Amino acid sequence: MNTEMPPAMALALDACFGSVAQWRERCAVLAQAQESPLRLCFDPASACLVIASRDDGHGVDRAVELLSIGAASSLDEIDWDSVYERYQHAVHAASTPLAASADAAQRALVIDVRRAGVFEQAGTMIPGAAWRDPAQVDGWAAELPADREVLVYCVYGHEVGRRTAMRLRSLGVDARFLEGGIDAWQAAGRPLNVKGETP
């Protein structure tokens, strides 16, 4: 059992609860007040992680359960590999229709949503792209034009790009994610800019 949280899972908790620490605090408070176990779920409609009890009736029945947290459960003994695997499946299943090919970059506003640490280490970007922190998507979504398609990309087109596109769509933005991410873009021999270089 791996109790270390994968970075993409931590990013999702940061984006939905403010931070992993705030998620833990909220779980602890709710667990004390609830008689039934809590559930950490992925809600495809909002592209957010939510905490619910089994009998709260808050409409999260459409959500995918990732983790059950009992009153006696320790948040330090979670098998994060299993939780992350369920999260990956839930995000992939809900976001597949939003995949876009590299050709979509010609007409869309392109946004690099690689995790902050990954972006800092990267040397290149897709030409014309601007970086935005995927953990802060709710903060910058309103800055995007309402009349233009948005194409987001992460490294491989997995959970970060997919969840960001889903979240943007839930906020009214016409967003899709780049299938295969910047890795597939580069493998296809498409142009890249050195970070900081004018497109």
N, C-alpha and C. Protein backbone atom coordinates (compact mmCIF):
# COMPACT_ATOMS: atom_id res chain seq x y z
N MET A 1 0.85 -1.19 0.00
CA MET A 1 0.00 0.00 0.00
C MET A 1 0.88 1.24 0.00
N ASN A 2 0.61 2.14 -0.95
CA ASN A 2 1.36 3.39 -1.04
C ASN A 2 0.55 4.51 -0.41
N THR A 3 1.04 5.06 0.68
CA THR A 3 0.32 6.15 1.37
C THR A 3 0.79 7.52 0.90
N GLU A 4 1.67 7.56 -0.10
CA GLU A 4 2.13 8.84 -0.64
C GLU A 4 1.20 9.27 -1.76
N MET A 5 0.72 10.50 -1.72
CA MET A 5 -0.25 10.98 -2.68
C MET A 5 0.40 11.34 -4.01
N PRO A 6 -0.10 10.81 -5.14
CA PRO A 6 0.44 11.20 -6.44
C PRO A 6 0.23 12.70 -6.70
N PRO A 7 1.17 13.36 -7.37
CA PRO A 7 1.06 14.80 -7.60
C PRO A 7 -0.25 15.24 -8.27
N ALA A 8 -0.73 14.48 -9.24
CA ALA A 8 -1.97 14.88 -9.92
C ALA A 8 -3.18 14.80 -8.97
N MET A 9 -3.14 13.87 -8.01
CA MET A 9 -4.22 13.77 -7.03
C MET A 9 -4.16 14.97 -6.08
N ALA A 10 -2.95 15.34 -5.67
CA ALA A 10 -2.79 16.52 -4.81
C ALA A 10 -3.26 17.77 -5.53
N LEU A 11 -2.96 17.88 -6.82
CA LEU A 11 -3.40 19.03 -7.61
C LEU A 11 -4.92 19.12 -7.62
N ALA A 12 -5.58 17.97 -7.81
CA ALA A 12 -7.05 17.97 -7.83
C ALA A 12 -7.62 18.40 -6.48
N LEU A 13 -7.04 17.93 -5.40
CA LEU A 13 -7.51 18.35 -4.07
C LEU A 13 -7.24 19.83 -3.84
N ASP A 14 -6.08 20.32 -4.28
CA ASP A 14 -5.77 21.75 -4.19
C ASP A 14 -6.82 22.58 -4.93
N ALA A 15 -7.12 22.15 -6.16
CA ALA A 15 -8.05 22.91 -7.00
C ALA A 15 -9.46 22.92 -6.42
N CYS A 16 -9.86 21.84 -5.78
CA CYS A 16 -11.24 21.72 -5.30
C CYS A 16 -11.44 22.16 -3.86
N PHE A 17 -10.39 22.10 -3.05
CA PHE A 17 -10.54 22.41 -1.62
C PHE A 17 -9.60 23.51 -1.14
N GLY A 18 -8.76 24.04 -2.00
CA GLY A 18 -7.81 25.08 -1.61
C GLY A 18 -6.43 24.52 -1.36
N SER A 19 -6.37 23.34 -0.74
CA SER A 19 -5.11 22.65 -0.49
C SER A 19 -5.43 21.27 0.06
N VAL A 20 -4.43 20.40 0.05
CA VAL A 20 -4.60 19.08 0.65
C VAL A 20 -4.88 19.23 2.14
N ALA A 21 -4.19 20.16 2.78
CA ALA A 21 -4.38 20.39 4.22
C ALA A 21 -5.82 20.81 4.51
N GLN A 22 -6.38 21.68 3.66
CA GLN A 22 -7.77 22.12 3.89
C GLN A 22 -8.75 20.97 3.67
N TRP A 23 -8.45 20.10 2.69
CA TRP A 23 -9.29 18.92 2.49
C TRP A 23 -9.25 18.04 3.73
N ARG A 24 -8.06 17.82 4.29
CA ARG A 24 -7.93 17.00 5.50
C ARG A 24 -8.71 17.60 6.67
N GLU A 25 -8.59 18.91 6.85
CA GLU A 25 -9.31 19.59 7.94
C GLU A 25 -10.82 19.43 7.77
N ARG A 26 -11.28 19.61 6.54
CA ARG A 26 -12.71 19.50 6.28
C ARG A 26 -13.21 18.09 6.55
N CYS A 27 -12.42 17.10 6.12
CA CYS A 27 -12.79 15.69 6.39
C CYS A 27 -12.88 15.43 7.89
N ALA A 28 -11.90 15.93 8.63
CA ALA A 28 -11.86 15.70 10.07
C ALA A 28 -13.08 16.30 10.75
N VAL A 29 -13.45 17.51 10.37
CA VAL A 29 -14.62 18.17 10.96
C VAL A 29 -15.90 17.43 10.61
N LEU A 30 -16.04 17.09 9.32
CA LEU A 30 -17.26 16.41 8.88
C LEU A 30 -17.37 14.99 9.46
N ALA A 31 -16.24 14.30 9.58
CA ALA A 31 -16.25 12.94 10.13
C ALA A 31 -16.74 12.93 11.57
N GLN A 32 -16.40 13.95 12.34
CA GLN A 32 -16.86 14.03 13.73
C GLN A 32 -18.35 14.30 13.81
N ALA A 33 -18.88 15.02 12.80
CA ALA A 33 -20.29 15.40 12.84
C ALA A 33 -21.20 14.37 12.19
N GLN A 34 -20.66 13.44 11.44
CA GLN A 34 -21.46 12.47 10.69
C GLN A 34 -21.47 11.11 11.39
N GLU A 35 -22.58 10.43 11.26
CA GLU A 35 -22.65 9.06 11.77
C GLU A 35 -22.26 8.07 10.68
N SER A 36 -22.58 8.39 9.42
CA SER A 36 -22.24 7.48 8.32
C SER A 36 -20.89 7.88 7.73
N PRO A 37 -20.21 6.95 7.06
CA PRO A 37 -18.90 7.27 6.48
C PRO A 37 -19.00 8.37 5.43
N LEU A 38 -17.93 9.11 5.31
CA LEU A 38 -17.84 10.13 4.28
C LEU A 38 -17.31 9.49 3.01
N ARG A 39 -17.59 10.12 1.89
CA ARG A 39 -17.07 9.66 0.61
C ARG A 39 -16.35 10.81 -0.08
N LEU A 40 -15.19 10.53 -0.63
CA LEU A 40 -14.54 11.46 -1.54
C LEU A 40 -14.95 11.00 -2.93
N CYS A 41 -15.62 11.88 -3.66
CA CYS A 41 -16.17 11.53 -4.97
C CYS A 41 -15.70 12.50 -6.04
N PHE A 42 -15.70 12.04 -7.29
CA PHE A 42 -15.47 12.92 -8.43
C PHE A 42 -16.81 13.17 -9.09
N ASP A 43 -17.19 14.44 -9.19
CA ASP A 43 -18.45 14.83 -9.79
C ASP A 43 -18.20 15.28 -11.23
N PRO A 44 -18.57 14.48 -12.23
CA PRO A 44 -18.29 14.85 -13.63
C PRO A 44 -18.95 16.15 -14.07
N ALA A 45 -20.08 16.50 -13.50
CA ALA A 45 -20.79 17.71 -13.93
C ALA A 45 -20.00 18.97 -13.61
N SER A 46 -19.33 18.99 -12.46
CA SER A 46 -18.55 20.17 -12.07
C SER A 46 -17.06 19.95 -12.25
N ALA A 47 -16.66 18.71 -12.54
CA ALA A 47 -15.23 18.33 -12.64
C ALA A 47 -14.52 18.59 -11.33
N CYS A 48 -15.25 18.47 -10.23
CA CYS A 48 -14.68 18.72 -8.90
C CYS A 48 -14.73 17.46 -8.04
N LEU A 49 -13.83 17.42 -7.09
CA LEU A 49 -13.90 16.44 -6.03
C LEU A 49 -14.84 16.99 -4.97
N VAL A 50 -15.67 16.13 -4.43
CA VAL A 50 -16.62 16.55 -3.40
C VAL A 50 -16.59 15.56 -2.25
N ILE A 51 -16.94 16.05 -1.07
CA ILE A 51 -17.08 15.19 0.10
C ILE A 51 -18.56 15.06 0.38
N ALA A 52 -19.01 13.83 0.52
CA ALA A 52 -20.42 13.60 0.79
C ALA A 52 -20.55 12.45 1.77
N SER A 53 -21.68 12.43 2.47
CA SER A 53 -21.96 11.25 3.29
C SER A 53 -22.85 10.34 2.46
N ARG A 54 -23.01 9.11 2.89
CA ARG A 54 -23.80 8.17 2.10
C ARG A 54 -25.28 8.55 2.05
N ASP A 55 -25.73 9.31 3.01
CA ASP A 55 -27.17 9.59 3.07
C ASP A 55 -27.47 11.09 3.07
N ASP A 56 -26.58 11.89 2.46
CA ASP A 56 -26.83 13.34 2.55
C ASP A 56 -27.78 13.85 1.48
N GLY A 57 -28.03 13.07 0.40
CA GLY A 57 -29.01 13.50 -0.59
C GLY A 57 -28.63 14.75 -1.34
N HIS A 58 -27.36 15.05 -1.48
CA HIS A 58 -26.95 16.27 -2.18
C HIS A 58 -26.73 16.08 -3.67
N GLY A 59 -27.32 15.06 -4.26
CA GLY A 59 -27.25 14.88 -5.69
C GLY A 59 -25.90 14.39 -6.19
N VAL A 60 -25.09 13.83 -5.31
CA VAL A 60 -23.81 13.31 -5.77
C VAL A 60 -23.91 11.84 -6.16
N ASP A 61 -25.15 11.35 -6.34
CA ASP A 61 -25.32 9.96 -6.76
C ASP A 61 -24.73 9.74 -8.15
N ARG A 62 -24.62 10.77 -8.97
CA ARG A 62 -23.99 10.66 -10.29
C ARG A 62 -22.47 10.70 -10.19
N ALA A 63 -21.97 11.05 -9.02
CA ALA A 63 -20.53 11.14 -8.82
C ALA A 63 -19.93 9.76 -8.62
N VAL A 64 -18.65 9.67 -8.90
CA VAL A 64 -17.92 8.41 -8.78
C VAL A 64 -17.18 8.39 -7.45
N GLU A 65 -17.48 7.40 -6.62
CA GLU A 65 -16.81 7.30 -5.33
C GLU A 65 -15.35 6.88 -5.51
N LEU A 66 -14.46 7.64 -4.88
CA LEU A 66 -13.03 7.34 -4.93
C LEU A 66 -12.52 6.77 -3.63
N LEU A 67 -13.16 7.18 -2.52
CA LEU A 67 -12.65 6.82 -1.20
C LEU A 67 -13.77 6.90 -0.18
N SER A 68 -13.84 5.93 0.70
CA SER A 68 -14.77 5.97 1.82
C SER A 68 -13.96 6.23 3.09
N ILE A 69 -14.41 7.21 3.87
CA ILE A 69 -13.67 7.62 5.07
C ILE A 69 -14.59 7.41 6.28
N GLY A 70 -14.29 6.41 7.08
CA GLY A 70 -15.07 6.16 8.29
C GLY A 70 -14.60 7.04 9.43
N ALA A 71 -15.40 7.11 10.47
CA ALA A 71 -15.06 7.95 11.63
C ALA A 71 -13.73 7.53 12.25
N ALA A 72 -13.42 6.24 12.19
CA ALA A 72 -12.18 5.76 12.81
C ALA A 72 -11.02 5.69 11.81
N SER A 73 -11.29 6.04 10.55
CA SER A 73 -10.25 5.96 9.52
C SER A 73 -9.18 7.01 9.74
N SER A 74 -7.97 6.64 9.39
CA SER A 74 -6.87 7.60 9.45
C SER A 74 -6.59 8.10 8.04
N LEU A 75 -6.52 9.41 7.90
CA LEU A 75 -6.22 9.99 6.60
C LEU A 75 -4.76 9.77 6.23
N ASP A 76 -3.96 9.26 7.17
CA ASP A 76 -2.56 8.97 6.89
C ASP A 76 -2.36 7.54 6.40
N GLU A 77 -3.43 6.75 6.38
CA GLU A 77 -3.31 5.35 5.98
C GLU A 77 -4.12 5.04 4.73
N ILE A 78 -4.27 6.01 3.86
CA ILE A 78 -5.03 5.84 2.63
C ILE A 78 -4.12 5.24 1.56
N ASP A 79 -4.65 4.27 0.83
CA ASP A 79 -3.93 3.69 -0.30
C ASP A 79 -4.15 4.61 -1.50
N TRP A 80 -3.27 5.59 -1.65
CA TRP A 80 -3.46 6.62 -2.67
C TRP A 80 -3.33 6.10 -4.08
N ASP A 81 -2.58 5.02 -4.28
CA ASP A 81 -2.49 4.44 -5.64
C ASP A 81 -3.87 3.98 -6.11
N SER A 82 -4.62 3.34 -5.21
CA SER A 82 -5.96 2.87 -5.56
C SER A 82 -6.91 4.03 -5.78
N VAL A 83 -6.84 5.04 -4.92
CA VAL A 83 -7.70 6.22 -5.07
C VAL A 83 -7.39 6.92 -6.39
N TYR A 84 -6.12 7.09 -6.68
CA TYR A 84 -5.72 7.76 -7.91
C TYR A 84 -6.15 6.98 -9.15
N GLU A 85 -6.06 5.66 -9.08
CA GLU A 85 -6.50 4.84 -10.22
C GLU A 85 -7.99 5.04 -10.48
N ARG A 86 -8.79 5.08 -9.41
CA ARG A 86 -10.23 5.32 -9.58
C ARG A 86 -10.47 6.73 -10.12
N TYR A 87 -9.69 7.69 -9.64
CA TYR A 87 -9.81 9.08 -10.12
C TYR A 87 -9.48 9.14 -11.62
N GLN A 88 -8.38 8.49 -12.04
CA GLN A 88 -8.01 8.48 -13.45
C GLN A 88 -9.15 7.92 -14.31
N HIS A 89 -9.70 6.79 -13.90
CA HIS A 89 -10.78 6.17 -14.68
C HIS A 89 -11.99 7.10 -14.76
N ALA A 90 -12.34 7.74 -13.67
CA ALA A 90 -13.50 8.63 -13.65
C ALA A 90 -13.30 9.83 -14.57
N VAL A 91 -12.13 10.45 -14.49
CA VAL A 91 -11.85 11.63 -15.32
C VAL A 91 -11.79 11.23 -16.79
N HIS A 92 -11.11 10.14 -17.09
CA HIS A 92 -10.99 9.71 -18.49
C HIS A 92 -12.36 9.37 -19.08
N ALA A 93 -13.18 8.66 -18.34
CA ALA A 93 -14.49 8.27 -18.85
C ALA A 93 -15.36 9.49 -19.14
N ALA A 94 -15.30 10.49 -18.28
CA ALA A 94 -16.14 11.67 -18.44
C ALA A 94 -15.62 12.65 -19.48
N SER A 95 -14.31 12.64 -19.74
CA SER A 95 -13.73 13.67 -20.60
C SER A 95 -13.41 13.24 -22.02
N THR A 96 -13.51 11.97 -22.34
CA THR A 96 -13.12 11.49 -23.66
C THR A 96 -13.76 12.27 -24.81
N PRO A 97 -15.03 12.66 -24.73
CA PRO A 97 -15.61 13.42 -25.84
C PRO A 97 -14.97 14.81 -26.04
N LEU A 98 -14.19 15.27 -25.09
CA LEU A 98 -13.59 16.60 -25.18
C LEU A 98 -12.20 16.59 -25.80
N ALA A 99 -11.73 15.43 -26.26
CA ALA A 99 -10.39 15.34 -26.85
C ALA A 99 -10.36 16.10 -28.17
N ALA A 100 -9.26 16.80 -28.41
CA ALA A 100 -9.07 17.54 -29.65
C ALA A 100 -7.71 17.20 -30.24
N SER A 101 -7.63 17.18 -31.55
CA SER A 101 -6.36 16.92 -32.22
C SER A 101 -5.51 18.19 -32.24
N ALA A 102 -4.27 18.03 -32.61
CA ALA A 102 -3.35 19.17 -32.66
C ALA A 102 -3.82 20.24 -33.64
N ASP A 103 -4.58 19.86 -34.65
CA ASP A 103 -5.07 20.84 -35.62
C ASP A 103 -5.98 21.89 -34.98
N ALA A 104 -6.62 21.55 -33.85
CA ALA A 104 -7.50 22.50 -33.17
C ALA A 104 -6.73 23.72 -32.66
N ALA A 105 -5.42 23.59 -32.49
CA ALA A 105 -4.60 24.71 -31.99
C ALA A 105 -4.58 25.88 -32.96
N GLN A 106 -4.87 25.64 -34.23
CA GLN A 106 -4.85 26.70 -35.24
C GLN A 106 -5.97 27.71 -35.03
N ARG A 107 -7.09 27.26 -34.46
CA ARG A 107 -8.25 28.15 -34.32
C ARG A 107 -8.57 28.51 -32.87
N ALA A 108 -7.92 27.84 -31.93
CA ALA A 108 -8.28 28.01 -30.52
C ALA A 108 -7.26 28.87 -29.78
N LEU A 109 -7.70 29.37 -28.65
CA LEU A 109 -6.80 30.00 -27.69
C LEU A 109 -6.14 28.85 -26.92
N VAL A 110 -4.81 28.77 -26.98
CA VAL A 110 -4.10 27.63 -26.41
C VAL A 110 -3.54 27.98 -25.03
N ILE A 111 -3.83 27.13 -24.06
CA ILE A 111 -3.39 27.36 -22.69
C ILE A 111 -2.63 26.15 -22.17
N ASP A 112 -1.45 26.39 -21.69
CA ASP A 112 -0.60 25.38 -21.07
C ASP A 112 -1.04 25.24 -19.62
N VAL A 113 -1.49 24.04 -19.25
CA VAL A 113 -1.95 23.83 -17.87
C VAL A 113 -1.13 22.73 -17.18
N ARG A 114 0.13 22.62 -17.56
CA ARG A 114 0.99 21.67 -16.84
C ARG A 114 1.11 22.14 -15.39
N ARG A 115 1.22 21.18 -14.47
CA ARG A 115 1.37 21.53 -13.06
C ARG A 115 2.52 22.52 -12.90
N ALA A 116 2.43 23.40 -11.91
CA ALA A 116 3.41 24.48 -11.74
C ALA A 116 4.84 23.96 -11.69
N GLY A 117 5.10 22.92 -10.93
CA GLY A 117 6.45 22.39 -10.82
C GLY A 117 6.95 21.81 -12.13
N VAL A 118 6.06 21.15 -12.87
CA VAL A 118 6.42 20.58 -14.17
C VAL A 118 6.70 21.71 -15.16
N PHE A 119 5.85 22.73 -15.16
CA PHE A 119 6.05 23.85 -16.08
C PHE A 119 7.36 24.57 -15.81
N GLU A 120 7.68 24.77 -14.54
CA GLU A 120 8.94 25.45 -14.19
C GLU A 120 10.14 24.71 -14.73
N GLN A 121 10.10 23.38 -14.75
CA GLN A 121 11.22 22.57 -15.23
C GLN A 121 11.26 22.45 -16.75
N ALA A 122 10.16 22.72 -17.41
CA ALA A 122 10.08 22.55 -18.87
C ALA A 122 10.82 23.68 -19.59
N GLY A 123 11.36 23.35 -20.73
CA GLY A 123 12.08 24.36 -21.52
C GLY A 123 11.30 24.90 -22.69
N THR A 124 10.20 24.21 -23.06
CA THR A 124 9.46 24.61 -24.26
C THR A 124 7.97 24.69 -24.00
N MET A 125 7.30 25.36 -24.94
CA MET A 125 5.84 25.49 -24.93
C MET A 125 5.34 25.38 -26.36
N ILE A 126 4.07 25.12 -26.51
CA ILE A 126 3.45 25.18 -27.83
C ILE A 126 3.37 26.66 -28.24
N PRO A 127 3.74 27.00 -29.47
CA PRO A 127 3.71 28.41 -29.90
C PRO A 127 2.35 29.06 -29.67
N GLY A 128 2.38 30.26 -29.12
CA GLY A 128 1.17 31.03 -28.87
C GLY A 128 0.47 30.70 -27.56
N ALA A 129 0.95 29.69 -26.85
CA ALA A 129 0.29 29.29 -25.60
C ALA A 129 0.68 30.22 -24.46
N ALA A 130 -0.22 30.33 -23.50
CA ALA A 130 0.04 31.04 -22.24
C ALA A 130 -0.15 30.03 -21.12
N TRP A 131 0.69 30.10 -20.09
CA TRP A 131 0.55 29.17 -18.98
C TRP A 131 -0.42 29.70 -17.94
N ARG A 132 -1.26 28.82 -17.42
CA ARG A 132 -2.15 29.12 -16.31
C ARG A 132 -2.07 27.95 -15.34
N ASP A 133 -2.12 28.26 -14.06
CA ASP A 133 -2.04 27.25 -13.01
C ASP A 133 -3.34 26.45 -12.97
N PRO A 134 -3.29 25.15 -13.24
CA PRO A 134 -4.52 24.36 -13.23
C PRO A 134 -5.17 24.27 -11.85
N ALA A 135 -4.39 24.49 -10.81
CA ALA A 135 -4.96 24.46 -9.46
C ALA A 135 -5.79 25.71 -9.17
N GLN A 136 -5.66 26.73 -10.02
CA GLN A 136 -6.38 27.99 -9.82
C GLN A 136 -7.38 28.26 -10.94
N VAL A 137 -7.84 27.22 -11.62
CA VAL A 137 -8.69 27.39 -12.80
C VAL A 137 -9.91 28.24 -12.51
N ASP A 138 -10.51 28.12 -11.35
CA ASP A 138 -11.70 28.92 -11.04
C ASP A 138 -11.37 30.41 -11.02
N GLY A 139 -10.15 30.76 -10.69
CA GLY A 139 -9.74 32.16 -10.63
C GLY A 139 -9.49 32.80 -11.98
N TRP A 140 -8.98 32.05 -12.95
CA TRP A 140 -8.66 32.65 -14.25
C TRP A 140 -9.65 32.33 -15.36
N ALA A 141 -10.60 31.47 -15.11
CA ALA A 141 -11.58 31.12 -16.15
C ALA A 141 -12.34 32.34 -16.66
N ALA A 142 -12.66 33.27 -15.77
CA ALA A 142 -13.44 34.45 -16.16
C ALA A 142 -12.67 35.38 -17.09
N GLU A 143 -11.34 35.24 -17.15
CA GLU A 143 -10.52 36.07 -18.04
C GLU A 143 -10.57 35.61 -19.49
N LEU A 144 -11.09 34.42 -19.73
CA LEU A 144 -11.09 33.85 -21.07
C LEU A 144 -12.23 34.42 -21.91
N PRO A 145 -12.00 34.59 -23.22
CA PRO A 145 -13.07 35.12 -24.08
C PRO A 145 -14.22 34.12 -24.20
N ALA A 146 -15.42 34.65 -24.18
CA ALA A 146 -16.61 33.80 -24.23
C ALA A 146 -16.90 33.31 -25.64
N ASP A 147 -16.33 33.96 -26.64
CA ASP A 147 -16.67 33.65 -28.03
C ASP A 147 -15.57 32.89 -28.78
N ARG A 148 -14.67 32.26 -28.05
CA ARG A 148 -13.57 31.56 -28.70
C ARG A 148 -13.33 30.20 -28.05
N GLU A 149 -13.02 29.21 -28.88
CA GLU A 149 -12.69 27.89 -28.36
C GLU A 149 -11.35 27.95 -27.63
N VAL A 150 -11.26 27.22 -26.54
CA VAL A 150 -10.03 27.14 -25.75
C VAL A 150 -9.51 25.72 -25.80
N LEU A 151 -8.21 25.59 -26.01
CA LEU A 151 -7.56 24.28 -26.03
C LEU A 151 -6.51 24.26 -24.93
N VAL A 152 -6.67 23.36 -23.96
CA VAL A 152 -5.70 23.25 -22.88
C VAL A 152 -4.84 22.02 -23.10
N TYR A 153 -3.60 22.10 -22.65
CA TYR A 153 -2.74 20.92 -22.74
C TYR A 153 -1.90 20.78 -21.49
N CYS A 154 -1.64 19.51 -21.14
CA CYS A 154 -0.72 19.18 -20.07
C CYS A 154 0.41 18.37 -20.69
N VAL A 155 1.06 17.52 -19.95
CA VAL A 155 2.19 16.78 -20.51
C VAL A 155 1.72 15.68 -21.46
N TYR A 156 0.80 14.82 -20.99
CA TYR A 156 0.40 13.65 -21.78
C TYR A 156 -1.08 13.61 -22.15
N GLY A 157 -1.84 14.63 -21.78
CA GLY A 157 -3.27 14.60 -22.05
C GLY A 157 -4.03 13.72 -21.09
N HIS A 158 -3.52 13.60 -19.87
CA HIS A 158 -4.17 12.78 -18.86
C HIS A 158 -5.03 13.66 -17.96
N GLU A 159 -5.02 13.40 -16.65
CA GLU A 159 -6.01 14.02 -15.77
C GLU A 159 -5.92 15.54 -15.68
N VAL A 160 -4.72 16.11 -15.72
CA VAL A 160 -4.60 17.55 -15.51
C VAL A 160 -5.30 18.31 -16.63
N GLY A 161 -4.96 18.00 -17.87
CA GLY A 161 -5.59 18.69 -19.00
C GLY A 161 -7.07 18.37 -19.11
N ARG A 162 -7.40 17.09 -18.91
CA ARG A 162 -8.79 16.67 -19.03
C ARG A 162 -9.67 17.33 -17.97
N ARG A 163 -9.23 17.29 -16.72
CA ARG A 163 -10.04 17.88 -15.65
C ARG A 163 -10.16 19.39 -15.83
N THR A 164 -9.08 20.03 -16.28
CA THR A 164 -9.13 21.48 -16.50
C THR A 164 -10.13 21.83 -17.59
N ALA A 165 -10.13 21.08 -18.68
CA ALA A 165 -11.10 21.33 -19.75
C ALA A 165 -12.53 21.13 -19.24
N MET A 166 -12.74 20.06 -18.46
CA MET A 166 -14.07 19.81 -17.92
C MET A 166 -14.52 20.92 -16.98
N ARG A 167 -13.59 21.37 -16.14
CA ARG A 167 -13.94 22.43 -15.20
C ARG A 167 -14.26 23.72 -15.94
N LEU A 168 -13.46 24.06 -16.96
CA LEU A 168 -13.74 25.25 -17.75
C LEU A 168 -15.11 25.17 -18.40
N ARG A 169 -15.45 24.01 -18.92
CA ARG A 169 -16.77 23.86 -19.54
C ARG A 169 -17.89 24.04 -18.52
N SER A 170 -17.67 23.56 -17.30
CA SER A 170 -18.69 23.73 -16.27
C SER A 170 -18.86 25.20 -15.89
N LEU A 171 -17.84 26.01 -16.21
CA LEU A 171 -17.87 27.45 -15.93
C LEU A 171 -18.28 28.26 -17.16
N GLY A 172 -18.69 27.58 -18.23
CA GLY A 172 -19.21 28.27 -19.41
C GLY A 172 -18.20 28.54 -20.51
N VAL A 173 -17.02 27.97 -20.43
CA VAL A 173 -15.99 28.17 -21.45
C VAL A 173 -16.02 26.99 -22.42
N ASP A 174 -15.91 27.29 -23.70
CA ASP A 174 -15.88 26.26 -24.74
C ASP A 174 -14.47 25.66 -24.79
N ALA A 175 -14.19 24.74 -23.90
CA ALA A 175 -12.84 24.20 -23.74
C ALA A 175 -12.75 22.73 -24.12
N ARG A 176 -11.59 22.37 -24.65
CA ARG A 176 -11.25 20.98 -24.95
C ARG A 176 -9.81 20.77 -24.52
N PHE A 177 -9.37 19.50 -24.50
CA PHE A 177 -7.99 19.22 -24.14
C PHE A 177 -7.26 18.61 -25.32
N LEU A 178 -5.96 18.87 -25.40
CA LEU A 178 -5.13 18.36 -26.49
C LEU A 178 -4.84 16.88 -26.24
N GLU A 179 -5.31 16.04 -27.14
CA GLU A 179 -5.08 14.61 -27.01
C GLU A 179 -3.58 14.31 -27.07
N GLY A 180 -3.08 13.62 -26.06
CA GLY A 180 -1.66 13.28 -26.01
C GLY A 180 -0.77 14.36 -25.43
N GLY A 181 -1.34 15.54 -25.16
CA GLY A 181 -0.59 16.63 -24.55
C GLY A 181 0.58 17.10 -25.39
N ILE A 182 1.46 17.87 -24.75
CA ILE A 182 2.62 18.40 -25.45
C ILE A 182 3.58 17.29 -25.86
N ASP A 183 3.53 16.16 -25.17
CA ASP A 183 4.39 15.04 -25.53
C ASP A 183 4.05 14.53 -26.94
N ALA A 184 2.77 14.33 -27.23
CA ALA A 184 2.35 13.88 -28.55
C ALA A 184 2.61 14.95 -29.60
N TRP A 185 2.42 16.21 -29.22
CA TRP A 185 2.69 17.33 -30.12
C TRP A 185 4.16 17.29 -30.58
N GLN A 186 5.03 17.14 -29.62
CA GLN A 186 6.46 17.11 -29.92
C GLN A 186 6.83 15.85 -30.72
N ALA A 187 6.26 14.70 -30.36
CA ALA A 187 6.56 13.45 -31.06
C ALA A 187 6.13 13.51 -32.53
N ALA A 188 5.10 14.33 -32.82
CA ALA A 188 4.63 14.49 -34.20
C ALA A 188 5.49 15.48 -34.98
N GLY A 189 6.51 16.05 -34.34
CA GLY A 189 7.40 16.99 -35.02
C GLY A 189 6.83 18.38 -35.19
N ARG A 190 5.82 18.70 -34.40
CA ARG A 190 5.22 20.04 -34.49
C ARG A 190 6.13 21.06 -33.80
N PRO A 191 6.01 22.32 -34.18
CA PRO A 191 6.93 23.33 -33.64
C PRO A 191 6.73 23.60 -32.16
N LEU A 192 7.81 23.96 -31.50
CA LEU A 192 7.80 24.36 -30.09
C LEU A 192 8.57 25.66 -29.95
N ASN A 193 8.18 26.45 -29.00
CA ASN A 193 8.92 27.66 -28.66
C ASN A 193 9.68 27.45 -27.38
N VAL A 194 10.85 28.04 -27.29
CA VAL A 194 11.58 28.08 -26.03
C VAL A 194 10.78 28.98 -25.10
N LYS A 195 10.61 28.56 -23.86
CA LYS A 195 9.84 29.38 -22.90
C LYS A 195 10.42 30.78 -22.82
N GLY A 196 9.55 31.76 -22.84
CA GLY A 196 9.97 33.16 -22.77
C GLY A 196 10.20 33.75 -24.13
N GLU A 197 10.21 32.94 -25.17
CA GLU A 197 10.42 33.39 -26.53
C GLU A 197 9.10 33.93 -27.07
N THR A 198 9.16 34.98 -27.86
CA THR A 198 7.95 35.54 -28.46
C THR A 198 7.46 34.59 -29.54
N PRO A 199 6.14 34.28 -29.52
CA PRO A 199 5.61 33.35 -30.52
C PRO A 199 5.82 33.85 -31.93
